[in-house]
Amino acid sequence: MNEPQGSDSTTRRLPVMEKPPEDEPDRSASADAHDPARTLGEEDGAQGRFWSMRRVPAGIVALVLLTGAGVFLYDVTAVRAHRPALHWRRSLARQLAERPLDDTWVLVGAGIAAALGLWLIVLAVTPGLRGVLPMRRTHHDVRAGLHRDAAAMALRDRAMEVSGVQSARVRTGRRTVDVHAVSHFRELGDVRADLDATLADGIRGLGLSRTPALSVHVRRPGRKG
């Protein structure tokens, strides 16, 4: 049979819409991007301590240096203008020239200067912000921290949920969590075991970068009077 003039005899395949597997539900791009369960690897998720801005020490050092530089600049300018130098600078220069190195005041001044220098070095090489516990990263561009008092309060609330606990005191550190609980009924061993399990789960729920060790102490309430 003759084909009509101008018709296209090539065969074209239509696109096929593949159905997603039943065990993987369809997810939108925004839902996948904000999935809270997605976390980074162990090396990327672990974070060090936050670095302090050191505003107060930096401000004090800057103010002292600025004041000293301004006073010396004024004195040098006055001397260049054929005016006498400041009395305190002449006295200081005379004392430094006449006093021996083993003089008591020279040693005291050197010790104070060395202590201040060591303090500034320690501030420069240590991160500070010991009250903020770094949390594990879930995204590369987001970094979070949890204050120690907030972590201790959350763990204390979890401890008070354990049956038999009358009161609890929690101290949260970077490496350990110390819990001191008072139990007014139940066996102390059972209360301690429940506290170990509950607080271990609570520590994992905090999402800290470094999981601290747990130390639980349980005792009976003291006698009144």
C-alpha atoms as a PDB file:
ATOM      1  CA  MET A   1       0.000   0.000   0.000  1.00  0.00           C
ATOM      2  CA  ASN A   2       1.387   3.368  -0.963  1.00  0.00           C
ATOM      3  CA  GLU A   3       2.095   5.848   1.842  1.00  0.00           C
ATOM      4  CA  PRO A   4       0.680   9.351   1.616  1.00  0.00           C
ATOM      5  CA  GLN A   5       2.903  12.028   0.227  1.00  0.00           C
ATOM      6  CA  GLY A   6       4.894  13.962   2.827  1.00  0.00           C
ATOM      7  CA  SER A   7       4.306  11.526   5.711  1.00  0.00           C
ATOM      8  CA  ASP A   8       7.123  10.539   8.115  1.00  0.00           C
ATOM      9  CA  SER A   9       7.686   6.770   8.203  1.00  0.00           C
ATOM     10  CA  THR A  10      10.188   6.733  11.164  1.00  0.00           C
ATOM     11  CA  THR A  11       9.146   5.149  14.468  1.00  0.00           C
ATOM     12  CA  ARG A  12       9.484   7.151  17.697  1.00  0.00           C
ATOM     13  CA  ARG A  13       9.421   5.775  21.264  1.00  0.00           C
ATOM     14  CA  LEU A  14       7.288   7.620  23.748  1.00  0.00           C
ATOM     15  CA  PRO A  15       8.866   8.448  27.165  1.00  0.00           C
ATOM     16  CA  VAL A  16       7.973   6.012  29.911  1.00  0.00           C
ATOM     17  CA  MET A  17       7.147   7.285  33.397  1.00  0.00           C
ATOM     18  CA  GLU A  18       8.873   4.932  35.809  1.00  0.00           C
ATOM     19  CA  LYS A  19       7.088   4.298  39.076  1.00  0.00           C
ATOM     20  CA  PRO A  20       9.260   4.740  42.183  1.00  0.00           C
ATOM     21  CA  PRO A  21       9.847   1.634  44.284  1.00  0.00           C
ATOM     22  CA  GLU A  22       7.248   0.993  46.942  1.00  0.00           C
ATOM     23  CA  ASP A  23       9.834   0.877  49.749  1.00  0.00           C
ATOM     24  CA  GLU A  24      11.114   4.392  48.882  1.00  0.00           C
ATOM     25  CA  PRO A  25       8.296   6.960  49.106  1.00  0.00           C
ATOM     26  CA  ASP A  26       8.326   9.939  46.800  1.00  0.00           C
ATOM     27  CA  ARG A  27       9.984  12.962  48.446  1.00  0.00           C
ATOM     28  CA  SER A  28      10.117  16.560  47.385  1.00  0.00           C
ATOM     29  CA  ALA A  29      13.433  18.397  47.072  1.00  0.00           C
ATOM     30  CA  SER A  30      12.639  20.702  49.988  1.00  0.00           C
ATOM     31  CA  ALA A  31      11.716  17.823  52.285  1.00  0.00           C
ATOM     32  CA  ASP A  32      14.918  15.991  51.388  1.00  0.00           C
ATOM     33  CA  ALA A  33      17.016  19.088  52.033  1.00  0.00           C
ATOM     34  CA  HIS A  34      15.519  19.634  55.487  1.00  0.00           C
ATOM     35  CA  ASP A  35      15.544  16.036  56.664  1.00  0.00           C
ATOM     36  CA  PRO A  36      16.639  16.194  60.341  1.00  0.00           C
ATOM     37  CA  ALA A  37      17.766  12.575  60.304  1.00  0.00           C
ATOM     38  CA  ARG A  38      20.489  13.247  57.749  1.00  0.00           C
ATOM     39  CA  THR A  39      23.869  13.738  59.477  1.00  0.00           C
ATOM     40  CA  LEU A  40      27.463  14.102  58.393  1.00  0.00           C
ATOM     41  CA  GLY A  41      30.130  11.477  58.816  1.00  0.00           C
ATOM     42  CA  GLU A  42      32.105  10.947  61.990  1.00  0.00           C
ATOM     43  CA  GLU A  43      35.030  13.127  60.867  1.00  0.00           C
ATOM     44  CA  ASP A  44      32.867  15.942  59.455  1.00  0.00           C
ATOM     45  CA  GLY A  45      30.290  15.847  62.242  1.00  0.00           C
ATOM     46  CA  ALA A  46      32.723  16.017  65.157  1.00  0.00           C
ATOM     47  CA  GLN A  47      33.495  19.601  66.145  1.00  0.00           C
ATOM     48  CA  GLY A  48      35.906  21.290  68.506  1.00  0.00           C
ATOM     49  CA  ARG A  49      35.146  23.986  71.027  1.00  0.00           C
ATOM     50  CA  PHE A  50      33.947  27.425  70.061  1.00  0.00           C
ATOM     51  CA  TRP A  51      36.547  30.208  70.043  1.00  0.00           C
ATOM     52  CA  SER A  52      35.917  33.235  72.229  1.00  0.00           C
ATOM     53  CA  MET A  53      36.062  36.724  70.763  1.00  0.00           C
ATOM     54  CA  ARG A  54      38.190  37.908  73.750  1.00  0.00           C
ATOM     55  CA  ARG A  55      36.696  41.409  73.486  1.00  0.00           C
ATOM     56  CA  VAL A  56      37.590  42.538  77.022  1.00  0.00           C
ATOM     57  CA  PRO A  57      41.298  41.471  77.007  1.00  0.00           C
ATOM     58  CA  ALA A  58      41.736  42.727  73.448  1.00  0.00           C
ATOM     59  CA  GLY A  59      40.107  46.044  74.347  1.00  0.00           C
ATOM     60  CA  ILE A  60      42.323  46.469  77.431  1.00  0.00           C
ATOM     61  CA  VAL A  61      45.521  45.695  75.512  1.00  0.00           C
ATOM     62  CA  ALA A  62      44.521  47.998  72.661  1.00  0.00           C
ATOM     63  CA  LEU A  63      43.695  50.832  75.081  1.00  0.00           C
ATOM     64  CA  VAL A  64      46.999  50.452  76.964  1.00  0.00           C
ATOM     65  CA  LEU A  65      49.031  50.354  73.757  1.00  0.00           C
ATOM     66  CA  LEU A  66      47.174  53.317  72.294  1.00  0.00           C
ATOM     67  CA  THR A  67      47.647  55.386  75.460  1.00  0.00           C
ATOM     68  CA  GLY A  68      51.338  54.519  75.759  1.00  0.00           C
ATOM     69  CA  ALA A  69      52.002  55.215  72.091  1.00  0.00           C
ATOM     70  CA  GLY A  70      50.198  58.546  72.324  1.00  0.00           C
ATOM     71  CA  VAL A  71      52.155  59.648  75.411  1.00  0.00           C
ATOM     72  CA  PHE A  72      55.514  58.651  73.919  1.00  0.00           C
ATOM     73  CA  LEU A  73      54.648  60.321  70.623  1.00  0.00           C
ATOM     74  CA  TYR A  74      53.774  63.537  72.433  1.00  0.00           C
ATOM     75  CA  ASP A  75      57.002  63.424  74.445  1.00  0.00           C
ATOM     76  CA  VAL A  76      59.182  62.769  71.393  1.00  0.00           C
ATOM     77  CA  THR A  77      57.460  65.601  69.540  1.00  0.00           C
ATOM     78  CA  ALA A  78      58.047  67.950  72.480  1.00  0.00           C
ATOM     79  CA  VAL A  79      61.753  67.037  72.594  1.00  0.00           C
ATOM     80  CA  ARG A  80      62.053  67.636  68.845  1.00  0.00           C
ATOM     81  CA  ALA A  81      60.507  71.059  69.410  1.00  0.00           C
ATOM     82  CA  HIS A  82      63.324  71.870  71.895  1.00  0.00           C
ATOM     83  CA  ARG A  83      61.150  71.473  74.957  1.00  0.00           C
ATOM     84  CA  PRO A  84      62.158  69.401  78.014  1.00  0.00           C
ATOM     85  CA  ALA A  85      61.068  65.786  78.193  1.00  0.00           C
ATOM     86  CA  LEU A  86      58.411  64.672  80.630  1.00  0.00           C
ATOM     87  CA  HIS A  87      59.630  64.259  84.191  1.00  0.00           C
ATOM     88  CA  TRP A  88      58.434  60.664  84.562  1.00  0.00           C
ATOM     89  CA  ARG A  89      60.282  59.581  81.396  1.00  0.00           C
ATOM     90  CA  ARG A  90      63.535  61.166  82.565  1.00  0.00           C
ATOM     91  CA  SER A  91      63.131  59.564  85.987  1.00  0.00           C
ATOM     92  CA  LEU A  92      62.362  56.162  84.445  1.00  0.00           C
ATOM     93  CA  ALA A  93      65.376  56.352  82.130  1.00  0.00           C
ATOM     94  CA  ARG A  94      67.636  57.282  85.055  1.00  0.00           C
ATOM     95  CA  GLN A  95      66.281  54.428  87.207  1.00  0.00           C
ATOM     96  CA  LEU A  96      66.764  51.874  84.414  1.00  0.00           C
ATOM     97  CA  ALA A  97      70.318  53.106  83.871  1.00  0.00           C
ATOM     98  CA  GLU A  98      71.341  53.133  87.537  1.00  0.00           C
ATOM     99  CA  ARG A  99      69.578  50.091  89.028  1.00  0.00           C
ATOM    100  CA  PRO A 100      71.321  46.685  88.689  1.00  0.00           C
ATOM    101  CA  LEU A 101      69.556  43.725  87.095  1.00  0.00           C
ATOM    102  CA  ASP A 102      69.284  41.858  90.400  1.00  0.00           C
ATOM    103  CA  ASP A 103      67.417  44.720  92.074  1.00  0.00           C
ATOM    104  CA  THR A 104      64.146  43.745  93.738  1.00  0.00           C
ATOM    105  CA  TRP A 105      61.972  46.204  91.830  1.00  0.00           C
ATOM    106  CA  VAL A 106      63.563  45.231  88.521  1.00  0.00           C
ATOM    107  CA  LEU A 107      62.820  41.565  89.212  1.00  0.00           C
ATOM    108  CA  VAL A 108      59.253  42.389  90.273  1.00  0.00           C
ATOM    109  CA  GLY A 109      58.635  44.412  87.124  1.00  0.00           C
ATOM    110  CA  ALA A 110      60.121  41.681  84.942  1.00  0.00           C
ATOM    111  CA  GLY A 111      57.942  39.072  86.661  1.00  0.00           C
ATOM    112  CA  ILE A 112      54.785  41.134  86.123  1.00  0.00           C
ATOM    113  CA  ALA A 113      55.633  41.679  82.452  1.00  0.00           C
ATOM    114  CA  ALA A 114      56.353  37.976  81.966  1.00  0.00           C
ATOM    115  CA  ALA A 115      53.073  37.011  83.671  1.00  0.00           C
ATOM    116  CA  LEU A 116      51.094  39.408  81.475  1.00  0.00           C
ATOM    117  CA  GLY A 117      52.826  38.101  78.360  1.00  0.00           C
ATOM    118  CA  LEU A 118      52.140  34.486  79.349  1.00  0.00           C
ATOM    119  CA  TRP A 119      48.484  35.374  80.027  1.00  0.00           C
ATOM    120  CA  LEU A 120      48.136  36.909  76.560  1.00  0.00           C
ATOM    121  CA  ILE A 121      49.756  33.845  74.961  1.00  0.00           C
ATOM    122  CA  VAL A 122      47.350  31.524  76.787  1.00  0.00           C
ATOM    123  CA  LEU A 123      44.405  33.630  75.626  1.00  0.00           C
ATOM    124  CA  ALA A 124      45.690  33.493  72.052  1.00  0.00           C
ATOM    125  CA  VAL A 125      46.136  29.706  71.840  1.00  0.00           C
ATOM    126  CA  THR A 126      43.096  28.517  73.852  1.00  0.00           C
ATOM    127  CA  PRO A 127      39.548  28.582  72.467  1.00  0.00           C
ATOM    128  CA  GLY A 128      37.687  29.705  75.578  1.00  0.00           C
ATOM    129  CA  LEU A 129      33.875  29.561  75.897  1.00  0.00           C
ATOM    130  CA  ARG A 130      34.036  26.599  78.247  1.00  0.00           C
ATOM    131  CA  GLY A 131      30.347  27.031  79.047  1.00  0.00           C
ATOM    132  CA  VAL A 132      29.246  26.105  75.496  1.00  0.00           C
ATOM    133  CA  LEU A 133      29.286  22.452  74.428  1.00  0.00           C
ATOM    134  CA  PRO A 134      29.720  21.943  70.649  1.00  0.00           C
ATOM    135  CA  MET A 135      27.014  19.887  68.971  1.00  0.00           C
ATOM    136  CA  ARG A 136      27.404  17.486  66.075  1.00  0.00           C
ATOM    137  CA  ARG A 137      26.932  19.070  62.688  1.00  0.00           C
ATOM    138  CA  THR A 138      24.030  17.967  60.512  1.00  0.00           C
ATOM    139  CA  HIS A 139      24.843  20.435  57.696  1.00  0.00           C
ATOM    140  CA  HIS A 140      28.174  21.806  56.487  1.00  0.00           C
ATOM    141  CA  ASP A 141      27.116  25.459  56.820  1.00  0.00           C
ATOM    142  CA  VAL A 142      25.436  25.232  60.236  1.00  0.00           C
ATOM    143  CA  ARG A 143      27.229  24.923  63.569  1.00  0.00           C
ATOM    144  CA  ALA A 144      25.390  24.797  66.885  1.00  0.00           C
ATOM    145  CA  GLY A 145      26.320  24.729  70.554  1.00  0.00           C
ATOM    146  CA  LEU A 146      24.505  23.933  73.775  1.00  0.00           C
ATOM    147  CA  HIS A 147      25.136  25.769  77.037  1.00  0.00           C
ATOM    148  CA  ARG A 148      26.130  23.614  79.983  1.00  0.00           C
ATOM    149  CA  ASP A 149      23.327  24.905  82.179  1.00  0.00           C
ATOM    150  CA  ALA A 150      20.726  24.058  79.526  1.00  0.00           C
ATOM    151  CA  ALA A 151      22.148  20.553  79.105  1.00  0.00           C
ATOM    152  CA  ALA A 152      22.182  20.026  82.882  1.00  0.00           C
ATOM    153  CA  MET A 153      18.575  21.206  83.159  1.00  0.00           C
ATOM    154  CA  ALA A 154      17.430  18.856  80.395  1.00  0.00           C
ATOM    155  CA  LEU A 155      19.187  15.890  82.000  1.00  0.00           C
ATOM    156  CA  ARG A 156      17.813  16.811  85.425  1.00  0.00           C
ATOM    157  CA  ASP A 157      14.269  16.755  84.007  1.00  0.00           C
ATOM    158  CA  ARG A 158      14.957  13.292  82.585  1.00  0.00           C
ATOM    159  CA  ALA A 159      16.320  12.108  85.935  1.00  0.00           C
ATOM    160  CA  MET A 160      13.226  13.329  87.783  1.00  0.00           C
ATOM    161  CA  GLU A 161      11.090  11.118  85.522  1.00  0.00           C
ATOM    162  CA  VAL A 162      12.668   7.985  87.024  1.00  0.00           C
ATOM    163  CA  SER A 163      10.515   6.339  89.649  1.00  0.00           C
ATOM    164  CA  GLY A 164      11.918   6.716  93.146  1.00  0.00           C
ATOM    165  CA  VAL A 165      13.955   9.864  92.526  1.00  0.00           C
ATOM    166  CA  GLN A 166      13.111  12.595  95.022  1.00  0.00           C
ATOM    167  CA  SER A 167      15.672  15.168  93.867  1.00  0.00           C
ATOM    168  CA  ALA A 168      18.594  15.297  91.467  1.00  0.00           C
ATOM    169  CA  ARG A 169      21.585  17.531  90.913  1.00  0.00           C
ATOM    170  CA  VAL A 170      23.369  17.414  87.543  1.00  0.00           C
ATOM    171  CA  ARG A 171      26.728  18.932  86.678  1.00  0.00           C
ATOM    172  CA  THR A 172      27.584  18.877  82.972  1.00  0.00           C
ATOM    173  CA  GLY A 173      31.180  19.125  81.810  1.00  0.00           C
ATOM    174  CA  ARG A 174      32.974  18.670  78.517  1.00  0.00           C
ATOM    175  CA  ARG A 175      34.053  15.124  79.384  1.00  0.00           C
ATOM    176  CA  THR A 176      31.785  13.938  82.198  1.00  0.00           C
ATOM    177  CA  VAL A 177      28.238  14.321  83.471  1.00  0.00           C
ATOM    178  CA  ASP A 178      27.998  13.959  87.252  1.00  0.00           C
ATOM    179  CA  VAL A 179      24.555  13.135  88.650  1.00  0.00           C
ATOM    180  CA  HIS A 180      23.750  13.066  92.378  1.00  0.00           C
ATOM    181  CA  ALA A 181      20.231  11.794  93.074  1.00  0.00           C
ATOM    182  CA  VAL A 182      18.246  11.224  96.250  1.00  0.00           C
ATOM    183  CA  SER A 183      15.856   8.271  96.299  1.00  0.00           C
ATOM    184  CA  HIS A 184      13.173   7.994  98.966  1.00  0.00           C
ATOM    185  CA  PHE A 185      11.880   4.553  97.954  1.00  0.00           C
ATOM    186  CA  ARG A 186      12.868   1.545  95.795  1.00  0.00           C
ATOM    187  CA  GLU A 187      16.203  -0.180  95.969  1.00  0.00           C
ATOM    188  CA  LEU A 188      19.161   2.068  95.264  1.00  0.00           C
ATOM    189  CA  GLY A 189      20.585  -0.373  92.738  1.00  0.00           C
ATOM    190  CA  ASP A 190      17.346  -0.380  90.727  1.00  0.00           C
ATOM    191  CA  VAL A 191      17.132   3.402  90.792  1.00  0.00           C
ATOM    192  CA  ARG A 192      20.753   3.698  89.702  1.00  0.00           C
ATOM    193  CA  ALA A 193      20.208   1.270  86.818  1.00  0.00           C
ATOM    194  CA  ASP A 194      17.156   3.191  85.614  1.00  0.00           C
ATOM    195  CA  LEU A 195      19.058   6.471  85.884  1.00  0.00           C
ATOM    196  CA  ASP A 196      21.952   5.024  83.883  1.00  0.00           C
ATOM    197  CA  ALA A 197      19.649   3.956  81.066  1.00  0.00           C
ATOM    198  CA  THR A 198      17.514   7.109  81.067  1.00  0.00           C
ATOM    199  CA  LEU A 199      20.388   9.576  81.263  1.00  0.00           C
ATOM    200  CA  ALA A 200      22.467   7.707  78.684  1.00  0.00           C
ATOM    201  CA  ASP A 201      19.564   8.049  76.277  1.00  0.00           C
ATOM    202  CA  GLY A 202      19.185  11.702  77.278  1.00  0.00           C
ATOM    203  CA  ILE A 203      22.874  12.416  76.594  1.00  0.00           C
ATOM    204  CA  ARG A 204      22.590  10.860  73.146  1.00  0.00           C
ATOM    205  CA  GLY A 205      19.528  13.007  72.515  1.00  0.00           C
ATOM    206  CA  LEU A 206      21.513  16.185  73.193  1.00  0.00           C
ATOM    207  CA  GLY A 207      23.436  15.640  69.960  1.00  0.00           C
ATOM    208  CA  LEU A 208      26.810  16.668  71.385  1.00  0.00           C
ATOM    209  CA  SER A 209      29.915  16.369  69.269  1.00  0.00           C
ATOM    210  CA  ARG A 210      31.736  14.494  72.044  1.00  0.00           C
ATOM    211  CA  THR A 211      29.616  12.189  74.183  1.00  0.00           C
ATOM    212  CA  PRO A 212      30.589  12.748  77.830  1.00  0.00           C
ATOM    213  CA  ALA A 213      30.961   9.907  80.304  1.00  0.00           C
ATOM    214  CA  LEU A 214      28.143   9.412  82.806  1.00  0.00           C
ATOM    215  CA  SER A 215      28.660   9.156  86.569  1.00  0.00           C
ATOM    216  CA  VAL A 216      25.576   8.479  88.716  1.00  0.00           C
ATOM    217  CA  HIS A 217      25.458   8.573  92.525  1.00  0.00           C
ATOM    218  CA  VAL A 218      22.268   7.655  94.431  1.00  0.00           C
ATOM    219  CA  ARG A 219      21.715   7.962  98.163  1.00  0.00           C
ATOM    220  CA  ARG A 220      18.928   8.033 100.729  1.00  0.00           C
ATOM    221  CA  PRO A 221      17.644  11.362 102.087  1.00  0.00           C
ATOM    222  CA  GLY A 222      19.262  12.488 105.307  1.00  0.00           C
ATOM    223  CA  ARG A 223      17.422  12.448 108.602  1.00  0.00           C
ATOM    224  CA  LYS A 224      15.581  15.604 109.553  1.00  0.00           C
ATOM    225  CA  GLY A 225      16.669  17.315 112.731  1.00  0.00           C
END
